[in-house]
Amino acid sequence: MGSETQVHLTIRGEPAVAMFREKISARPWETLFVEPEVAKLNLFDPETGRSLET
């Protein structure tokens, strides 16, 4: 994705995608511990793909 890295993950059993602007060193199926900045989250409706504005 150019300068971004997409990580597909599961949060409490639910699928999610995280975008990292900096390079990360992770391997497939490796456990990552992340703490999102809530103010920077972008949430989308899984059925429509529309943004859920918070």
Protein backbone atom coordinates (compact mmCIF):
# COMPACT_ATOMS: atom_id res chain seq x y z
CA MET A 1 0.00 0.00 0.00
CA GLY A 2 2.87 2.39 -0.62
CA SER A 3 3.88 4.13 2.58
CA GLU A 4 1.25 2.34 4.69
CA THR A 5 1.06 -1.19 6.04
CA GLN A 6 -2.33 -2.88 6.42
CA VAL A 7 -2.65 -5.48 9.15
CA HIS A 8 -5.73 -7.72 9.17
CA LEU A 9 -6.49 -8.76 12.72
CA THR A 10 -9.11 -10.02 15.12
CA ILE A 11 -10.28 -8.00 18.12
CA ARG A 12 -12.36 -10.01 20.59
CA GLY A 13 -13.31 -12.38 17.77
CA GLU A 14 -14.26 -9.64 15.31
CA PRO A 15 -12.28 -8.92 12.13
CA ALA A 16 -10.55 -5.55 11.81
CA VAL A 17 -7.93 -3.82 9.68
CA ALA A 18 -5.24 -1.58 11.14
CA MET A 19 -3.22 0.87 9.06
CA PHE A 20 0.31 1.74 10.11
CA ARG A 21 2.14 4.66 8.56
CA GLU A 22 5.49 3.57 9.98
CA LYS A 23 7.17 0.30 9.08
CA ILE A 24 6.51 -2.59 11.42
CA SER A 25 8.30 -5.90 11.61
CA ALA A 26 5.68 -8.60 12.02
CA ARG A 27 5.22 -12.02 10.50
CA PRO A 28 1.96 -13.73 9.52
CA TRP A 29 0.08 -15.09 12.54
CA GLU A 30 2.38 -13.25 14.94
CA THR A 31 0.61 -11.75 17.96
CA LEU A 32 0.74 -7.95 18.02
CA PHE A 33 -0.28 -5.87 20.98
CA VAL A 34 -1.72 -2.56 19.86
CA GLU A 35 -3.35 0.33 21.66
CA PRO A 36 -5.31 2.50 19.24
CA GLU A 37 -5.66 6.25 19.57
CA VAL A 38 -9.44 6.40 19.87
CA ALA A 39 -9.64 9.92 18.41
CA LYS A 40 -8.00 8.63 15.20
CA LEU A 41 -10.23 5.58 14.66
CA ASN A 42 -12.25 5.29 11.46
CA LEU A 43 -15.14 2.85 11.82
CA PHE A 44 -17.19 1.47 8.93
CA ASP A 45 -20.48 -0.40 8.65
CA PRO A 46 -19.57 -3.93 7.48
CA GLU A 47 -22.72 -4.25 5.37
CA THR A 48 -22.68 -0.91 3.54
CA GLY A 49 -19.02 0.08 3.83
CA ARG A 50 -20.15 3.53 4.93
CA SER A 51 -18.23 5.45 7.56
CA LEU A 52 -19.68 5.47 11.07
CA GLU A 53 -19.02 9.02 12.18
CA THR A 54 -18.32 9.25 15.88
